[in-house]
N, C-alpha and C. Protein backbone atom coordinates (compact mmCIF):
# COMPACT_ATOMS: atom_id res chain seq x y z
N MET A 1 -1.19 3.47 24.87
CA MET A 1 -1.85 3.54 23.34
C MET A 1 -1.41 5.05 23.09
N GLN A 2 -1.09 5.30 21.69
CA GLN A 2 -1.00 6.66 21.18
C GLN A 2 -2.15 6.85 21.01
N SER A 3 -2.45 8.15 20.95
CA SER A 3 -3.60 8.98 20.45
C SER A 3 -3.44 9.04 19.02
N LEU A 4 -4.78 9.31 18.29
CA LEU A 4 -4.40 9.10 16.80
C LEU A 4 -4.99 10.53 16.62
N PRO A 5 -4.14 11.38 15.38
CA PRO A 5 -4.51 12.74 15.17
C PRO A 5 -5.82 12.80 14.22
N PRO A 6 -6.78 13.60 14.10
CA PRO A 6 -8.03 13.67 13.79
C PRO A 6 -8.49 12.93 12.44
N LEU A 7 -6.85 13.70 11.69
CA LEU A 7 -7.23 12.75 10.31
C LEU A 7 -7.05 11.38 9.83
N ILE A 8 -6.30 10.85 10.65
CA ILE A 8 -5.75 9.30 10.96
C ILE A 8 -7.08 8.80 11.49
N LEU A 9 -7.63 9.26 12.12
CA LEU A 9 -8.99 8.54 13.27
C LEU A 9 -9.91 8.92 11.97
N THR A 10 -9.96 9.72 11.43
CA THR A 10 -11.29 9.89 10.36
C THR A 10 -10.96 8.74 9.08
N ILE A 11 -9.89 8.60 8.88
CA ILE A 11 -9.78 7.84 7.40
C ILE A 11 -9.96 6.05 8.25
N LEU A 12 -9.41 6.16 9.32
CA LEU A 12 -9.87 4.61 10.00
C LEU A 12 -11.31 4.24 10.07
N ILE A 13 -11.91 5.44 10.70
CA ILE A 13 -13.53 5.29 10.66
C ILE A 13 -13.95 5.15 9.50
N VAL A 14 -13.73 5.80 8.70
CA VAL A 14 -14.30 5.62 7.02
C VAL A 14 -14.25 4.14 6.40
N ASN A 15 -13.00 3.81 6.68
CA ASN A 15 -12.74 2.27 6.20
C ASN A 15 -13.55 1.44 7.24
N VAL A 16 -13.56 1.66 8.46
CA VAL A 16 -14.48 0.33 9.20
C VAL A 16 -15.77 0.70 9.06
N LEU A 17 -16.09 1.90 9.03
CA LEU A 17 -17.57 1.92 8.48
C LEU A 17 -18.04 1.19 6.80
N PHE A 18 -17.26 1.83 6.16
CA PHE A 18 -17.26 1.02 4.51
C PHE A 18 -17.27 -0.41 4.37
N SER A 19 -16.50 -0.62 5.47
CA SER A 19 -15.76 -2.33 5.26
C SER A 19 -17.29 -3.31 5.98
N LEU A 20 -17.72 -2.78 7.08
CA LEU A 20 -18.67 -2.86 8.06
C LEU A 20 -20.24 -3.23 7.01
N LYS A 21 -20.19 -2.53 6.38
CA LYS A 21 -21.12 -2.35 5.47
C LYS A 21 -21.06 -3.37 4.16
N GLY A 22 -20.01 -3.28 3.93
CA GLY A 22 -19.51 -4.54 2.72
C GLY A 22 -20.15 -5.92 3.26
N PHE A 23 -19.49 -5.88 4.65
CA PHE A 23 -19.53 -7.40 5.05
C PHE A 23 -21.14 -7.90 5.25
N LYS A 24 -21.97 -6.94 5.62
CA LYS A 24 -23.43 -7.48 5.67
C LYS A 24 -24.15 -7.08 4.35
N ASP A 25 -23.67 -6.67 3.24
CA ASP A 25 -24.47 -6.21 1.75
C ASP A 25 -23.47 -6.84 0.81
N THR A 26 -23.75 -7.94 0.35
CA THR A 26 -22.87 -8.71 -1.02
C THR A 26 -23.28 -7.47 -2.15
N LEU A 27 -24.23 -6.91 -2.15
CA LEU A 27 -24.43 -6.00 -3.86
C LEU A 27 -23.93 -4.75 -3.37
N PHE A 28 -23.64 -4.33 -2.20
CA PHE A 28 -22.88 -3.14 -1.73
C PHE A 28 -21.24 -3.41 -2.45
N PHE A 29 -21.20 -4.64 -1.72
CA PHE A 29 -19.39 -4.80 -1.83
C PHE A 29 -19.10 -5.14 -3.15
N ASN A 30 -20.25 -6.01 -3.90
CA ASN A 30 -19.94 -6.33 -5.59
C ASN A 30 -19.94 -4.94 -6.36
N ARG A 31 -20.67 -3.86 -5.83
CA ARG A 31 -20.86 -2.70 -6.50
C ARG A 31 -19.46 -1.57 -6.72
N PHE A 32 -18.70 -1.84 -5.33
CA PHE A 32 -17.60 -0.90 -4.99
C PHE A 32 -16.42 -1.53 -5.07
N LYS A 33 -16.28 -2.95 -5.11
CA LYS A 33 -14.63 -3.74 -5.19
C LYS A 33 -14.24 -3.49 -6.45
N PHE A 34 -12.50 -3.56 -6.68
CA PHE A 34 -12.21 -3.24 -7.64
C PHE A 34 -12.55 -4.31 -8.70
N SER A 35 -12.63 -4.51 -9.62
CA SER A 35 -12.94 -5.52 -10.97
C SER A 35 -12.24 -4.80 -12.05
N ILE A 36 -11.54 -5.87 -12.83
CA ILE A 36 -10.74 -5.33 -13.93
C ILE A 36 -11.91 -5.27 -15.19
N ALA A 37 -12.63 -5.93 -15.51
CA ALA A 37 -13.80 -6.03 -16.34
C ALA A 37 -14.69 -4.87 -16.12
N ALA A 38 -15.08 -4.60 -14.65
CA ALA A 38 -15.70 -3.27 -14.43
C ALA A 38 -15.43 -2.06 -14.84
N VAL A 39 -13.90 -2.03 -14.27
CA VAL A 39 -13.30 -0.59 -14.62
C VAL A 39 -12.91 -0.50 -15.84
N LYS A 40 -12.88 -1.66 -16.72
CA LYS A 40 -12.43 -1.41 -18.05
C LYS A 40 -13.79 -1.26 -18.93
N GLY A 41 -15.24 -1.46 -17.97
CA GLY A 41 -16.10 -0.83 -18.79
C GLY A 41 -16.61 0.36 -18.27
N GLY A 42 -15.79 1.31 -17.55
CA GLY A 42 -16.13 2.56 -17.29
C GLY A 42 -16.25 3.05 -15.99
N GLN A 43 -16.18 1.99 -14.78
CA GLN A 43 -16.57 2.34 -13.46
C GLN A 43 -15.26 2.41 -13.28
N SER A 44 -14.85 3.46 -13.41
CA SER A 44 -13.57 3.98 -12.80
C SER A 44 -13.31 4.14 -11.28
N TYR A 45 -14.53 4.77 -10.90
CA TYR A 45 -14.69 4.82 -9.39
C TYR A 45 -14.25 3.86 -8.37
N ARG A 46 -14.20 2.73 -9.06
CA ARG A 46 -13.81 1.43 -8.16
C ARG A 46 -12.20 1.18 -7.84
N ILE A 47 -11.62 2.18 -8.41
CA ILE A 47 -10.18 2.32 -8.63
C ILE A 47 -9.82 2.99 -6.63
N VAL A 48 -11.01 3.75 -6.57
CA VAL A 48 -10.84 4.44 -5.13
C VAL A 48 -11.87 3.58 -4.01
N SER A 49 -12.83 3.52 -4.55
CA SER A 49 -13.85 3.01 -3.58
C SER A 49 -13.68 1.70 -3.18
N SER A 50 -12.83 0.72 -3.73
CA SER A 50 -12.52 -0.57 -3.48
C SER A 50 -11.50 -0.63 -2.43
N ALA A 51 -10.71 0.69 -1.96
CA ALA A 51 -9.56 0.91 -0.90
C ALA A 51 -10.38 1.17 0.41
N PHE A 52 -11.39 1.03 0.31
CA PHE A 52 -12.17 1.32 1.71
C PHE A 52 -12.96 0.22 2.06
N LEU A 53 -13.37 -0.91 0.97
CA LEU A 53 -13.58 -2.26 1.54
C LEU A 53 -12.61 -3.29 1.91
N HIS A 54 -12.99 -4.33 2.51
CA HIS A 54 -11.99 -5.27 3.16
C HIS A 54 -12.76 -6.76 3.11
N VAL A 55 -12.20 -7.73 2.82
CA VAL A 55 -12.69 -8.96 2.81
C VAL A 55 -13.34 -9.37 4.26
N ASP A 56 -12.63 -9.30 5.26
CA ASP A 56 -13.00 -9.44 6.67
C ASP A 56 -12.63 -9.03 7.69
N MET A 57 -12.90 -9.52 8.99
CA MET A 57 -12.34 -8.24 9.75
C MET A 57 -10.75 -8.60 10.03
N ALA A 58 -10.21 -9.92 9.87
CA ALA A 58 -9.03 -9.69 10.03
C ALA A 58 -8.14 -8.83 8.79
N HIS A 59 -8.75 -8.94 7.62
CA HIS A 59 -7.89 -7.88 6.46
C HIS A 59 -8.04 -6.54 7.25
N LEU A 60 -9.60 -6.02 7.63
CA LEU A 60 -9.51 -4.82 7.93
C LEU A 60 -8.80 -4.56 9.17
N GLY A 61 -8.47 -5.28 10.27
CA GLY A 61 -7.93 -5.28 11.34
C GLY A 61 -6.48 -4.83 11.36
N PHE A 62 -5.71 -5.62 10.31
CA PHE A 62 -4.32 -5.62 9.71
C PHE A 62 -4.14 -4.37 9.09
N ASN A 63 -4.76 -3.97 8.44
CA ASN A 63 -4.44 -2.74 7.66
C ASN A 63 -4.90 -1.46 8.53
N MET A 64 -5.86 -1.40 9.59
CA MET A 64 -6.10 -0.30 10.07
C MET A 64 -5.16 -0.22 11.08
N PHE A 65 -4.70 -1.52 11.71
CA PHE A 65 -3.38 -1.80 12.72
C PHE A 65 -2.28 -0.60 12.13
N ALA A 66 -1.78 -1.44 10.85
CA ALA A 66 -0.56 -0.60 10.27
C ALA A 66 -0.75 1.00 10.06
N LEU A 67 -2.42 1.67 9.52
CA LEU A 67 -2.45 2.89 9.95
C LEU A 67 -2.04 3.65 10.81
N TYR A 68 -2.60 2.59 11.88
CA TYR A 68 -2.71 3.27 13.31
C TYR A 68 -1.14 3.56 13.86
N LEU A 69 -0.07 2.33 13.42
CA LEU A 69 1.38 2.47 13.66
C LEU A 69 2.02 3.69 12.90
N PHE A 70 1.76 3.40 11.75
CA PHE A 70 2.60 4.62 11.02
C PHE A 70 1.92 5.80 10.35
N GLY A 71 0.72 5.75 10.64
CA GLY A 71 -0.39 6.97 10.01
C GLY A 71 0.22 8.62 10.52
N GLY A 72 0.42 8.09 11.76
CA GLY A 72 1.00 9.26 12.65
C GLY A 72 1.99 10.04 12.33
N GLN A 73 3.33 9.13 12.22
CA GLN A 73 4.55 9.43 11.94
C GLN A 73 4.70 10.30 10.60
N ALA A 74 3.81 9.50 9.45
CA ALA A 74 3.79 9.94 7.83
C ALA A 74 3.19 11.35 8.32
N LEU A 75 1.95 11.73 8.73
CA LEU A 75 1.19 12.56 8.84
C LEU A 75 2.33 14.05 9.68
N ALA A 76 3.45 13.35 10.34
CA ALA A 76 3.82 14.59 11.09
C ALA A 76 4.88 15.17 10.21
N GLY A 77 5.51 14.46 9.25
CA GLY A 77 6.47 14.53 8.42
C GLY A 77 6.27 15.02 7.10
N LEU A 78 4.65 15.14 6.85
CA LEU A 78 4.27 15.59 5.80
C LEU A 78 3.08 16.91 5.97
N GLY A 79 2.54 16.62 6.87
CA GLY A 79 1.31 17.74 7.13
C GLY A 79 0.18 16.99 6.56
N VAL A 80 -0.77 17.85 6.69
CA VAL A 80 -2.27 17.43 6.47
C VAL A 80 -2.31 17.33 4.67
N LEU A 81 -2.20 18.39 4.14
CA LEU A 81 -2.64 18.21 2.69
C LEU A 81 -1.69 17.33 2.19
N ASN A 82 -0.31 17.03 2.01
CA ASN A 82 0.68 16.23 1.50
C ASN A 82 0.30 14.70 2.05
N PHE A 83 -0.01 14.74 3.42
CA PHE A 83 -0.78 13.28 3.75
C PHE A 83 -1.75 12.59 2.89
N LEU A 84 -2.81 13.47 2.48
CA LEU A 84 -3.68 12.97 2.04
C LEU A 84 -3.38 13.17 0.52
N ILE A 85 -2.26 13.85 -0.10
CA ILE A 85 -2.23 13.23 -1.46
C ILE A 85 -1.51 12.38 -1.59
N LEU A 86 -0.49 11.91 -0.71
CA LEU A 86 0.28 10.59 -0.28
C LEU A 86 -0.95 9.48 -0.70
N TYR A 87 -1.65 9.61 0.75
CA TYR A 87 -2.67 8.29 0.55
C TYR A 87 -3.37 8.12 -0.33
N PHE A 88 -3.85 9.22 -1.43
CA PHE A 88 -4.79 8.69 -2.17
C PHE A 88 -3.74 8.44 -3.76
N SER A 89 -2.61 9.05 -3.87
CA SER A 89 -1.81 8.70 -4.80
C SER A 89 -1.48 7.25 -4.59
N CYS A 90 -1.01 6.80 -3.60
CA CYS A 90 -0.79 5.66 -3.33
C CYS A 90 -1.99 4.60 -3.57
N LEU A 91 -2.77 4.89 -2.97
CA LEU A 91 -4.35 3.93 -3.05
C LEU A 91 -4.56 3.76 -4.73
N ILE A 92 -4.52 5.28 -5.37
CA ILE A 92 -4.79 4.79 -6.99
C ILE A 92 -3.68 3.82 -7.43
N ALA A 93 -2.33 4.59 -7.32
CA ALA A 93 -1.01 3.79 -7.96
C ALA A 93 -1.37 2.41 -7.65
N GLY A 94 -1.58 1.75 -6.48
CA GLY A 94 -1.59 0.48 -6.43
C GLY A 94 -2.67 -0.23 -7.13
N ASN A 95 -3.88 0.31 -7.39
CA ASN A 95 -5.14 -0.40 -8.30
C ASN A 95 -4.84 0.02 -9.96
N LEU A 96 -4.23 1.03 -10.09
CA LEU A 96 -3.65 1.18 -11.59
C LEU A 96 -2.67 -0.10 -11.91
N PHE A 97 -1.69 -0.12 -11.08
CA PHE A 97 -0.66 -0.76 -11.11
C PHE A 97 -1.61 -2.59 -11.48
N ALA A 98 -2.21 -2.49 -10.15
CA ALA A 98 -3.13 -3.85 -10.47
C ALA A 98 -3.68 -4.37 -11.90
N LEU A 99 -4.48 -3.10 -12.27
CA LEU A 99 -5.33 -3.04 -13.78
C LEU A 99 -4.10 -3.44 -14.85
N TYR A 100 -3.06 -2.82 -14.90
CA TYR A 100 -2.19 -2.94 -15.80
C TYR A 100 -1.78 -4.54 -15.60
N PHE A 101 -1.44 -4.94 -14.50
CA PHE A 101 -0.73 -6.28 -14.53
C PHE A 101 -1.53 -7.40 -14.98
N HIS A 102 -2.99 -7.40 -14.46
CA HIS A 102 -3.91 -8.17 -14.58
C HIS A 102 -4.88 -7.90 -15.44
N ARG A 103 -4.41 -7.05 -16.47
CA ARG A 103 -5.29 -6.56 -17.65
C ARG A 103 -5.88 -7.61 -18.68
N ASP A 104 -5.32 -8.95 -18.84
CA ASP A 104 -5.78 -9.85 -19.48
C ASP A 104 -6.50 -10.85 -18.53
N ASN A 105 -6.89 -10.54 -17.50
CA ASN A 105 -7.75 -11.47 -16.95
C ASN A 105 -8.96 -10.71 -16.20
N PRO A 106 -9.92 -10.51 -16.82
CA PRO A 106 -11.11 -10.10 -16.76
C PRO A 106 -11.74 -10.17 -15.44
N TYR A 107 -11.80 -11.36 -14.52
CA TYR A 107 -12.01 -11.73 -13.93
C TYR A 107 -11.25 -11.37 -12.44
N TYR A 108 -10.17 -10.88 -12.44
CA TYR A 108 -9.54 -10.41 -11.49
C TYR A 108 -10.35 -9.23 -10.31
N SER A 109 -10.44 -9.40 -8.98
CA SER A 109 -10.99 -8.33 -8.27
C SER A 109 -10.22 -8.40 -6.91
N ALA A 110 -10.50 -7.00 -6.25
CA ALA A 110 -9.66 -7.05 -5.33
C ALA A 110 -10.28 -6.01 -4.36
N VAL A 111 -9.76 -5.84 -2.96
CA VAL A 111 -10.41 -4.95 -2.16
C VAL A 111 -9.17 -4.67 -1.09
N GLY A 112 -9.41 -3.17 -0.64
CA GLY A 112 -8.50 -3.46 0.54
C GLY A 112 -7.64 -1.92 0.60
N ALA A 113 -7.20 -1.42 1.62
CA ALA A 113 -6.55 -0.02 1.64
C ALA A 113 -5.08 -0.36 1.39
N SER A 114 -4.59 -1.73 1.30
CA SER A 114 -3.01 -1.83 1.12
C SER A 114 -1.98 -1.25 0.33
N GLY A 115 -2.76 -0.51 -0.81
CA GLY A 115 -1.94 0.11 -1.49
C GLY A 115 -1.56 1.39 -1.10
N ALA A 116 -2.65 1.93 -0.26
CA ALA A 116 -2.26 3.75 0.73
C ALA A 116 -1.45 3.08 1.74
N ILE A 117 -1.83 1.99 2.46
CA ILE A 117 -0.96 1.66 3.72
C ILE A 117 0.56 1.43 3.46
N MET A 118 0.99 0.60 2.11
CA MET A 118 2.32 0.53 1.72
C MET A 118 2.96 1.57 1.50
N GLY A 119 2.18 2.73 0.80
CA GLY A 119 2.49 4.21 0.56
C GLY A 119 3.09 4.69 1.55
N ILE A 120 2.28 4.73 2.67
CA ILE A 120 2.52 5.44 4.06
C ILE A 120 3.76 4.80 4.79
N LEU A 121 3.78 3.44 4.84
CA LEU A 121 4.94 2.64 5.00
C LEU A 121 6.22 3.03 4.61
N TYR A 122 6.37 3.41 3.22
CA TYR A 122 7.52 3.26 2.45
C TYR A 122 7.98 4.98 2.50
N ALA A 123 6.65 5.81 2.64
CA ALA A 123 7.48 7.14 3.06
C ALA A 123 7.94 7.38 4.35
N THR A 124 7.46 6.61 5.37
CA THR A 124 7.97 6.82 6.64
C THR A 124 9.39 6.29 6.97
N ILE A 125 9.76 5.42 6.25
CA ILE A 125 11.09 4.75 5.88
C ILE A 125 11.89 5.78 5.29
N LEU A 126 11.46 6.47 4.49
CA LEU A 126 12.52 7.48 4.02
C LEU A 126 12.57 8.99 4.71
N MET A 127 11.46 9.04 5.39
CA MET A 127 11.52 10.22 6.29
C MET A 127 12.35 10.11 7.73
N TYR A 128 12.33 8.46 7.97
CA TYR A 128 12.68 8.42 9.09
C TYR A 128 13.79 7.43 9.21
N PRO A 129 14.81 7.62 8.37
CA PRO A 129 15.62 6.36 8.14
C PRO A 129 16.30 5.83 9.30
N GLU A 130 16.30 6.37 10.28
CA GLU A 130 16.82 5.62 11.59
C GLU A 130 15.82 4.60 12.20
N MET A 131 14.35 4.64 11.76
CA MET A 131 13.39 3.96 12.63
C MET A 131 13.86 2.41 12.40
N LYS A 132 13.13 1.44 13.26
CA LYS A 132 13.73 0.30 13.21
C LYS A 132 12.31 -0.51 13.24
N LEU A 133 12.03 -1.63 12.53
CA LEU A 133 10.70 -2.12 12.55
C LEU A 133 10.70 -3.63 13.39
N ALA A 134 9.90 -4.20 13.84
CA ALA A 134 9.86 -5.87 14.22
C ALA A 134 8.53 -6.65 13.67
N LEU A 135 8.49 -7.54 13.35
CA LEU A 135 7.56 -8.52 13.27
C LEU A 135 7.29 -9.59 14.36
N PHE A 136 5.93 -9.84 14.43
CA PHE A 136 5.35 -11.01 15.42
C PHE A 136 5.95 -12.20 15.51
N ILE A 137 6.58 -12.49 14.17
CA ILE A 137 7.20 -13.73 13.81
C ILE A 137 8.55 -13.73 13.85
N PHE A 138 9.02 -12.49 13.99
CA PHE A 138 10.47 -12.08 14.36
C PHE A 138 10.60 -10.97 14.58
N PRO A 139 10.58 -11.02 16.01
CA PRO A 139 10.25 -9.87 16.82
C PRO A 139 11.64 -9.30 17.28
N VAL A 140 12.66 -9.27 16.43
CA VAL A 140 13.74 -8.40 16.37
C VAL A 140 14.13 -7.35 15.61
N PRO A 141 14.20 -6.04 16.29
CA PRO A 141 13.97 -5.07 15.58
C PRO A 141 14.88 -4.78 14.40
N LEU A 142 14.43 -4.34 13.30
CA LEU A 142 15.44 -4.37 12.17
C LEU A 142 15.28 -3.20 11.41
N PRO A 143 16.39 -2.66 11.18
CA PRO A 143 16.24 -1.20 10.31
C PRO A 143 15.28 -1.22 9.23
N GLY A 144 14.44 -0.10 9.21
CA GLY A 144 13.44 0.21 8.28
C GLY A 144 13.65 -0.23 7.23
N TYR A 145 14.87 -0.03 6.24
CA TYR A 145 15.51 0.10 5.12
C TYR A 145 15.61 -1.49 4.58
N VAL A 146 15.97 -2.36 5.89
CA VAL A 146 16.23 -3.89 5.64
C VAL A 146 14.60 -4.26 5.49
N PHE A 147 13.86 -3.87 6.20
CA PHE A 147 12.27 -4.63 6.20
C PHE A 147 11.58 -3.95 4.82
N GLY A 148 11.94 -2.61 4.63
CA GLY A 148 11.62 -2.35 3.20
C GLY A 148 11.90 -3.12 2.05
N ILE A 149 13.33 -3.48 1.82
CA ILE A 149 14.02 -4.26 0.79
C ILE A 149 13.47 -5.37 1.00
N GLY A 150 13.20 -6.19 1.96
CA GLY A 150 12.79 -7.50 2.25
C GLY A 150 11.34 -7.89 1.64
N TYR A 151 10.41 -6.65 1.97
CA TYR A 151 8.83 -6.69 1.79
C TYR A 151 8.70 -6.47 0.11
N LEU A 152 9.29 -5.75 -0.38
CA LEU A 152 9.20 -5.49 -1.75
C LEU A 152 9.89 -6.91 -2.63
N VAL A 153 10.76 -7.39 -2.23
CA VAL A 153 11.43 -8.53 -2.83
C VAL A 153 10.48 -9.79 -2.47
N TYR A 154 9.65 -9.86 -1.24
CA TYR A 154 8.46 -10.74 -1.33
C TYR A 154 7.53 -10.80 -1.97
N THR A 155 7.08 -9.28 -2.21
CA THR A 155 5.93 -8.83 -3.10
C THR A 155 6.36 -9.09 -4.73
N LEU A 156 7.33 -8.97 -4.93
CA LEU A 156 7.63 -9.36 -6.64
C LEU A 156 7.60 -10.82 -6.66
N PHE A 157 8.10 -11.84 -5.70
CA PHE A 157 7.96 -13.16 -5.64
C PHE A 157 6.46 -13.25 -5.77
N GLY A 158 5.66 -12.77 -4.91
CA GLY A 158 3.93 -13.23 -4.97
C GLY A 158 3.57 -12.80 -6.32
N MET A 159 3.92 -11.81 -6.75
CA MET A 159 3.58 -11.24 -8.29
C MET A 159 3.68 -11.91 -9.20
N LYS A 160 5.09 -13.02 -9.16
CA LYS A 160 5.48 -13.91 -10.00
C LYS A 160 4.45 -15.16 -9.83
N LYS A 161 4.82 -15.45 -8.61
CA LYS A 161 4.03 -16.94 -8.33
C LYS A 161 2.57 -16.76 -8.37
N GLN A 162 1.71 -15.78 -8.17
CA GLN A 162 0.59 -15.71 -7.80
C GLN A 162 -0.25 -17.01 -7.32
N GLN A 163 0.01 -17.35 -6.17
CA GLN A 163 -0.51 -18.48 -5.67
C GLN A 163 -1.05 -18.34 -4.52
N ASP A 164 -1.82 -17.00 -4.18
CA ASP A 164 -2.38 -16.81 -2.97
C ASP A 164 -3.30 -15.77 -3.03
N ASN A 165 -4.07 -15.50 -1.78
CA ASN A 165 -5.22 -14.29 -2.10
C ASN A 165 -4.65 -12.96 -2.07
N ILE A 166 -3.29 -12.98 -1.59
CA ILE A 166 -2.76 -11.54 -1.23
C ILE A 166 -2.82 -10.78 -2.51
N GLY A 167 -2.84 -9.37 -2.60
CA GLY A 167 -2.87 -8.21 -3.47
C GLY A 167 -1.66 -7.95 -3.54
N HIS A 168 -0.53 -8.65 -4.17
CA HIS A 168 0.77 -8.42 -4.14
C HIS A 168 0.87 -7.13 -5.10
N THR A 169 -0.02 -7.35 -6.15
CA THR A 169 0.25 -6.23 -7.29
C THR A 169 0.05 -4.44 -6.85
N ALA A 170 -0.98 -4.76 -5.96
CA ALA A 170 -1.59 -3.49 -5.20
C ALA A 170 -0.48 -2.89 -4.13
N HIS A 171 -0.17 -3.90 -3.46
CA HIS A 171 1.18 -3.52 -2.51
C HIS A 171 2.20 -3.02 -3.09
N PHE A 172 2.71 -3.63 -4.28
CA PHE A 172 3.53 -3.17 -5.04
C PHE A 172 3.55 -1.60 -5.73
N GLY A 173 2.44 -1.55 -6.17
CA GLY A 173 2.39 -0.50 -6.80
C GLY A 173 2.20 0.89 -5.89
N GLY A 174 1.52 0.43 -4.38
CA GLY A 174 1.60 1.31 -3.63
C GLY A 174 2.54 1.70 -2.94
N ALA A 175 3.45 1.02 -2.75
CA ALA A 175 5.01 1.03 -2.40
C ALA A 175 5.80 1.87 -3.08
N ILE A 176 5.62 1.35 -4.40
CA ILE A 176 6.56 2.50 -5.74
C ILE A 176 5.74 4.00 -5.56
N GLY A 177 4.48 3.97 -5.56
CA GLY A 177 3.98 5.16 -5.40
C GLY A 177 4.23 6.14 -4.48
N GLY A 178 4.30 5.53 -3.11
CA GLY A 178 4.94 6.12 -1.99
C GLY A 178 6.32 6.48 -1.92
N ILE A 179 7.27 5.86 -2.63
CA ILE A 179 8.51 6.09 -2.59
C ILE A 179 8.51 7.42 -4.01
N LEU A 180 7.78 7.43 -4.62
CA LEU A 180 7.83 8.69 -5.77
C LEU A 180 7.40 10.16 -5.06
N ALA A 181 5.89 9.57 -4.59
CA ALA A 181 5.18 10.84 -4.04
C ALA A 181 5.97 11.48 -2.90
N THR A 182 6.91 10.45 -1.91
CA THR A 182 7.72 11.05 -1.03
C THR A 182 8.71 11.84 -1.48
N LEU A 183 9.47 11.46 -2.67
CA LEU A 183 10.82 12.47 -3.50
C LEU A 183 10.02 13.62 -3.33
N ILE A 184 8.88 13.67 -4.14
CA ILE A 184 8.23 14.85 -4.82
C ILE A 184 7.84 15.94 -3.75
N LEU A 185 7.35 15.12 -2.91
CA LEU A 185 6.60 16.11 -1.63
C LEU A 185 7.65 16.46 -0.24
N VAL A 186 8.51 15.50 -0.31
CA VAL A 186 9.97 15.39 0.87
C VAL A 186 11.33 15.57 -0.09
N PRO A 187 11.47 16.37 -0.97
CA PRO A 187 12.93 16.16 -1.57
C PRO A 187 14.11 15.94 -1.08
N SER A 188 13.90 16.67 0.66
CA SER A 188 15.18 16.44 1.26
C SER A 188 15.66 14.98 1.55
N VAL A 189 14.65 14.00 1.35
CA VAL A 189 14.94 12.72 1.72
C VAL A 189 15.99 12.26 0.78
N ILE A 190 15.96 12.81 -0.29
CA ILE A 190 17.23 12.36 -1.40
C ILE A 190 18.57 12.45 -0.52
N ALA A 191 18.75 13.56 0.10
CA ALA A 191 20.11 13.32 0.82
C ALA A 191 20.03 12.76 2.14
N THR A 192 18.87 12.80 3.09
CA THR A 192 18.92 12.44 4.23
C THR A 192 18.74 10.55 3.97
N SER A 193 18.12 10.13 3.24
CA SER A 193 18.08 8.60 3.07
C SER A 193 18.47 8.02 1.51
N PHE A 194 19.65 8.60 1.29
CA PHE A 194 20.25 8.43 0.13
C PHE A 194 20.52 6.86 -0.09
N THR A 195 21.28 6.53 0.89
CA THR A 195 21.29 4.96 0.56
C THR A 195 20.07 3.98 0.96
N THR A 196 19.08 4.43 1.48
CA THR A 196 18.12 3.64 1.75
C THR A 196 17.63 3.74 0.22
N LEU A 197 17.51 5.06 -0.43
CA LEU A 197 16.79 5.11 -1.87
C LEU A 197 17.39 4.22 -2.85
N ILE A 198 18.55 4.03 -2.67
CA ILE A 198 19.45 3.35 -3.66
C ILE A 198 19.29 2.02 -3.77
N LEU A 199 19.49 1.78 -2.13
CA LEU A 199 19.16 0.26 -1.97
C LEU A 199 17.50 -0.08 -2.61
N LEU A 200 16.62 0.28 -2.11
CA LEU A 200 15.34 0.08 -2.38
C LEU A 200 15.29 0.25 -4.20
N VAL A 201 15.60 0.87 -4.92
CA VAL A 201 15.59 0.89 -6.24
C VAL A 201 16.61 -0.08 -7.04
N VAL A 202 17.67 -0.12 -6.54
CA VAL A 202 18.50 -1.39 -6.88
C VAL A 202 17.85 -2.88 -6.91
N VAL A 203 17.77 -3.18 -5.57
CA VAL A 203 17.37 -4.18 -5.26
C VAL A 203 15.65 -4.61 -6.03
N THR A 204 15.01 -3.67 -6.21
CA THR A 204 13.47 -3.65 -6.72
C THR A 204 13.82 -3.71 -7.99
N VAL A 205 14.79 -3.26 -9.02
CA VAL A 205 15.13 -3.44 -10.47
C VAL A 205 15.87 -4.88 -10.77
N VAL A 206 16.57 -5.26 -10.00
CA VAL A 206 17.21 -6.57 -9.87
C VAL A 206 16.42 -7.54 -9.90
N THR A 207 15.61 -7.51 -9.07
CA THR A 207 14.93 -8.70 -8.55
C THR A 207 13.97 -8.86 -9.52
N GLY A 208 12.99 -7.52 -10.03
CA GLY A 208 12.00 -7.65 -10.88
C GLY A 208 12.46 -8.36 -11.97
N PHE A 209 13.61 -8.05 -12.75
CA PHE A 209 14.37 -8.19 -14.07
C PHE A 209 14.62 -9.84 -13.66
N ILE A 210 14.97 -10.23 -12.61
CA ILE A 210 15.49 -11.64 -12.60
C ILE A 210 14.01 -12.48 -12.83
N LEU A 211 13.31 -12.05 -12.02
CA LEU A 211 11.92 -12.86 -11.83
C LEU A 211 11.10 -12.86 -13.20
N PHE A 212 10.74 -11.65 -13.77
CA PHE A 212 10.00 -11.35 -15.14
C PHE A 212 10.78 -11.38 -16.46
N ARG A 213 12.03 -11.60 -16.53
CA ARG A 213 12.67 -11.58 -17.81
C ARG A 213 12.16 -12.56 -18.48
N LYS A 214 11.95 -12.74 -19.75
CA LYS A 214 11.65 -13.61 -20.46
C LYS A 214 12.50 -14.83 -20.59
N ASN A 215 12.27 -16.16 -20.59
CA ASN A 215 13.08 -17.33 -20.57
C ASN A 215 13.43 -17.58 -22.02
């Protein structure tokens, strides 16, 4: 197993400790989770605090495993300060997008670091265009951009259907935040990953238009 850089390890530990507290303390969990009604009522801290809570060990484990897999690569490409900017900007972007998308549903709530993790994933795809990814259910390595495009399409379908408990809106907001933040923090990816970038943008725009256009 690869050793974790101190910053990645610190973020992982904070997520674990905060989540474990939430597992045992319902009042704590409800106080810090993302809630449309609460955020609109002035409790904007939940936009950040909810990203350190998780529903259960599987949810926590999946997000922390993804942080373990991609955090070190993103940190190496960005440096400490820019990595922190990326992490928190994607975390916030994911929940702000969820706040907008679910603005008419005061009962909507969510937790999880998925927005930040998605931002890290897409930043890594852009900074390392030669990388390949494989899934447990499909163990054949695919180019990073193929995975990135496929996941964005899947997320858009999930947002449209809203038939599961996955926070698709936070995933989408975090992914877009990660792409934009990477363009700002590492503008050289415009040249080194131009094709990947164009494909991500075109597929996202076209798919979103098809799914969400008025009938």
